Protein backbone atom coordinates (compact mmCIF):
# COMPACT_ATOMS: atom_id res chain seq x y z
CA ARG A 1 119.15 114.34 88.67
CA VAL A 2 116.10 117.61 89.43
CA THR A 3 113.58 115.42 90.88
CA MET A 4 116.69 114.35 93.53
CA VAL A 5 117.48 117.55 94.82
CA ARG A 6 113.66 118.75 94.82
CA GLU A 7 112.15 115.58 97.57
CA ALA A 8 116.05 115.35 99.44
CA ARG A 9 114.65 115.22 103.51
CA ARG A 10 114.81 119.00 104.63
CA ASP A 11 114.94 117.89 108.18
CA THR A 12 118.89 118.34 108.42
CA ARG A 13 118.81 116.37 112.12
CA ASP A 14 121.27 113.47 112.49
CA CYS A 15 119.16 110.98 113.08
CA ILE A 16 122.19 108.30 114.15
CA LYS A 17 119.98 105.69 115.38
CA CYS A 18 117.86 105.76 111.66
CA HIS A 19 121.27 106.24 109.88
CA LEU A 20 124.37 105.22 110.83
CA GLY A 21 126.54 107.52 110.75
CA GLY A 22 124.32 110.28 109.63
CA PRO A 23 121.31 110.90 106.50
CA PRO A 24 121.81 108.39 103.67
CA LEU A 25 123.11 110.00 100.82
CA PRO A 26 121.34 108.76 97.60
CA GLY A 27 122.50 109.38 93.43
CA VAL A 28 125.95 110.96 94.70
CA SER A 29 127.44 110.15 91.92
CA GLY A 30 124.42 108.44 89.52
CA ARG A 31 126.33 105.57 90.31
CA VAL A 32 127.30 103.43 93.37
CA ASP A 33 129.03 105.18 95.47
CA ASP A 34 131.76 104.59 98.09
CA ARG A 35 130.75 107.29 100.56
CA ASP A 36 127.28 105.32 101.31
CA ASN A 37 128.29 101.63 101.22
CA ARG A 38 126.77 101.57 104.73
CA ARG A 39 122.98 101.71 102.75
CA LYS A 40 124.78 98.70 100.81
CA PRO A 41 126.61 96.49 102.77
CA ASN A 42 126.31 93.82 99.77
CA LEU A 43 129.19 96.35 98.25
CA VAL A 44 131.53 96.42 101.30
CA GLY A 45 135.19 95.37 100.91
CA TYR A 46 135.13 94.40 96.93
CA GLU A 47 138.61 95.71 95.35
CA LYS A 48 137.94 98.72 93.56
CA LEU A 49 138.70 98.71 89.84
CA PRO A 50 138.79 101.94 87.91
CA PRO A 51 135.43 102.89 85.40
CA GLN A 52 134.84 101.14 82.91
CA LEU A 53 134.51 103.34 79.83
CA GLU A 54 131.47 103.92 77.45
CA LYS A 55 131.47 100.73 75.25
CA GLY A 56 129.37 103.33 72.87
CA THR A 57 125.72 102.33 71.12
CA PRO A 58 125.12 99.19 70.99
CA THR A 59 124.49 97.88 67.21
CA TRP A 60 122.23 95.77 65.37
CA LYS A 61 125.68 93.35 64.70
CA PHE A 62 125.62 92.88 67.91
CA VAL A 63 122.11 91.80 68.42
CA ASP A 64 123.69 89.46 65.91
CA ARG A 65 125.71 88.29 68.14
CA LEU A 66 123.86 87.93 70.94
CA LYS A 67 121.13 85.80 69.51
CA GLN A 68 123.41 83.82 67.71
CA SER A 69 125.57 82.81 71.34
CA THR A 70 122.55 82.08 72.87
CA GLY A 71 119.51 80.14 72.84
CA MET A 72 117.39 81.98 75.56
CA LYS A 73 114.57 84.93 74.21
CA VAL A 74 116.55 88.15 73.45
CA LEU A 75 114.37 91.24 74.56
CA LEU A 76 115.60 94.85 73.39
CA LYS A 77 114.46 97.75 75.51
CA GLY A 78 114.32 101.26 75.01
CA ILE A 79 113.23 100.71 71.92
CA VAL A 80 110.70 103.98 71.13
CA THR A 81 109.90 104.02 66.77
CA GLU A 82 109.08 102.55 64.25
CA GLU A 83 111.66 102.01 62.20
CA ASP A 84 113.72 100.34 65.20
CA ALA A 85 110.94 98.40 66.29
CA ALA A 86 110.96 96.72 61.84
CA LEU A 87 114.66 96.70 62.41
CA ALA A 88 114.29 94.97 65.47
CA VAL A 89 112.28 91.80 63.80
CA GLU A 90 114.10 91.39 61.22
CA HIS A 91 117.15 90.58 63.17
CA GLY A 92 115.09 88.83 65.28
CA VAL A 93 114.74 90.09 68.10
CA ASP A 94 112.15 87.79 70.68
CA GLY A 95 110.57 90.60 71.79
CA LEU A 96 110.43 94.36 72.86
CA PHE A 97 109.98 96.91 76.42
CA VAL A 98 109.27 100.63 74.87
CA SER A 99 111.05 102.56 77.61
CA ASN A 100 112.76 105.74 78.05
CA HIS A 101 114.42 104.32 80.76
CA GLY A 102 113.01 106.64 83.27
CA GLY A 103 113.69 109.29 81.28
CA ARG A 104 117.14 109.29 81.30
CA ALA A 105 118.73 107.83 78.78
CA GLU A 106 116.32 108.88 75.70
CA ASN A 107 116.12 112.74 74.67
CA SER A 108 112.77 112.51 72.96
CA ARG A 109 111.19 113.73 76.03
CA ARG A 110 108.21 111.58 75.33
CA ALA A 111 106.48 109.42 77.31
CA THR A 112 106.22 106.04 76.15
CA ILE A 113 102.74 105.78 76.15
CA VAL A 114 103.27 108.17 73.26
CA SER A 115 105.88 106.34 71.83
CA LEU A 116 104.49 102.53 72.03
CA PRO A 117 101.61 102.89 68.58
CA GLU A 118 104.40 103.49 66.15
CA VAL A 119 106.18 100.32 68.34
CA VAL A 120 103.93 98.35 67.93
CA LYS A 121 103.31 99.15 64.17
CA GLY A 122 106.63 98.38 63.54
CA THR A 123 106.60 95.21 64.77
CA ALA A 124 103.48 94.23 62.77
CA GLY A 125 102.36 92.28 65.17
CA LYS A 126 105.00 89.72 65.22
CA ILE A 127 106.73 89.80 68.70
CA PRO A 128 105.23 91.26 72.32
CA VAL A 129 105.42 93.98 72.82
CA ILE A 130 105.74 96.07 76.88
CA CYS A 131 105.27 99.00 77.46
CA ASP A 132 107.41 100.86 81.32
CA GLY A 133 106.94 104.54 82.83
CA GLY A 134 104.67 105.37 85.11
CA PHE A 135 102.31 103.01 84.96
CA ARG A 136 100.48 103.38 88.44
CA ARG A 137 96.61 102.73 88.08
CA GLY A 138 95.14 99.73 86.52
CA THR A 139 93.36 102.71 84.24
CA ASP A 140 97.04 102.98 82.49
CA VAL A 141 97.81 99.50 82.12
CA PHE A 142 94.44 98.57 80.06
CA LYS A 143 95.66 102.54 77.77
CA ALA A 144 98.18 99.99 76.67
CA LEU A 145 96.62 96.88 75.91
CA ALA A 146 94.41 99.42 73.93
CA LEU A 147 96.95 100.91 72.16
CA GLY A 148 98.31 97.60 71.41
CA ALA A 149 100.78 96.56 74.29
CA THR A 150 101.56 93.01 74.79
CA ALA A 151 101.85 94.03 78.90
CA ALA A 152 102.22 96.68 80.78
CA GLY A 153 105.21 96.73 83.21
CA ILE A 154 105.34 98.09 86.79
CA GLY A 155 108.14 98.65 88.83
CA ARG A 156 107.94 102.07 91.76
CA PRO A 157 104.61 100.36 92.33
CA TYR A 158 104.88 97.77 94.33
CA ILE A 159 108.07 98.60 95.35
CA TRP A 160 106.89 101.09 97.31
CA GLY A 161 104.63 98.24 98.62
CA LEU A 162 107.83 95.85 99.64
CA GLY A 163 109.07 99.29 101.56
CA ALA A 164 106.23 100.17 103.28
CA PHE A 165 105.45 96.36 104.58
CA GLY A 166 107.21 94.06 102.98
CA GLN A 167 105.37 90.88 100.49
CA GLU A 168 101.63 91.44 101.88
CA GLY A 169 102.52 95.57 100.88
CA VAL A 170 103.16 94.21 97.58
CA GLU A 171 100.61 91.79 97.03
CA ALA A 172 98.27 94.37 98.45
CA VAL A 173 99.77 96.80 95.56
CA LEU A 174 99.00 94.40 92.82
CA ALA A 175 95.39 93.42 94.15
CA ILE A 176 94.41 97.11 93.92
CA MET A 177 96.06 96.73 90.50
CA HIS A 178 94.21 94.14 89.26
CA LYS A 179 90.78 95.91 90.73
CA GLU A 180 91.53 99.10 88.88
CA PHE A 181 92.31 97.50 85.78
CA GLU A 182 89.05 94.95 85.86
CA LEU A 183 86.47 97.71 86.79
CA THR A 184 87.82 99.47 84.15
CA MET A 185 87.26 96.71 81.92
CA LYS A 186 83.62 96.07 83.38
CA GLN A 187 83.29 100.08 82.95
CA SER A 188 83.93 99.67 79.10
CA GLY A 189 82.31 96.80 78.61
CA VAL A 190 84.65 94.26 77.83
CA THR A 191 84.86 90.37 78.65
CA ALA A 192 88.02 89.76 77.11
CA LEU A 193 91.28 90.89 76.82
CA SER A 194 91.36 90.93 73.14
CA GLN A 195 88.51 93.19 73.22
CA ILE A 196 90.62 95.55 74.13
CA ALA A 197 91.07 98.06 71.42
CA MET A 198 91.69 101.37 70.37
CA ARG A 199 88.48 102.52 69.54
CA HIS A 200 88.34 102.64 73.79
CA ILE A 201 90.94 105.79 73.78
CA ALA A 202 90.14 109.33 73.31
CA PRO A 203 92.83 111.73 72.36
CA ALA A 204 93.63 114.28 74.20
């Protein structure tokens, strides 16, 4: 990935105290790579199996089978259009994740926040819609809820907190986002989540 190359470590000195066997090699092949299994010791020692070929894009028949085979809730991740959202409701899906999988697996090049309103429209309010993708601040969460999301998914911020300070770091990140979100609500004059609406969004 371009970003990975761009942000690669520029200090090429071999610090064996920090990185036993040399510097880490993230994303060498785009999947778990034996050349860097020292970073994933839980994978070391397992029998090597041939790679699984792509199974193809799941169909709505697959979703039907999934629904029939479990009593659990079934949520689909990666829905970005009104049409697919409506089909998901037709097939009994219990909720949707508006996601472009980090921009790697969906080719429209649209941000998830741009796709969100039409997905919400496609569900007609019948199932929850969760949006992820680049949520970094409380204002981002507010915008997602204003555009109709039931909730917003965050990933990297609390992973950064975990990497920096463990559990306390995760709690600090969540506290910061919560405080920012609460402040945004106050500045927008709303006192309940149900009051957050499209009127609070100004088009770019």
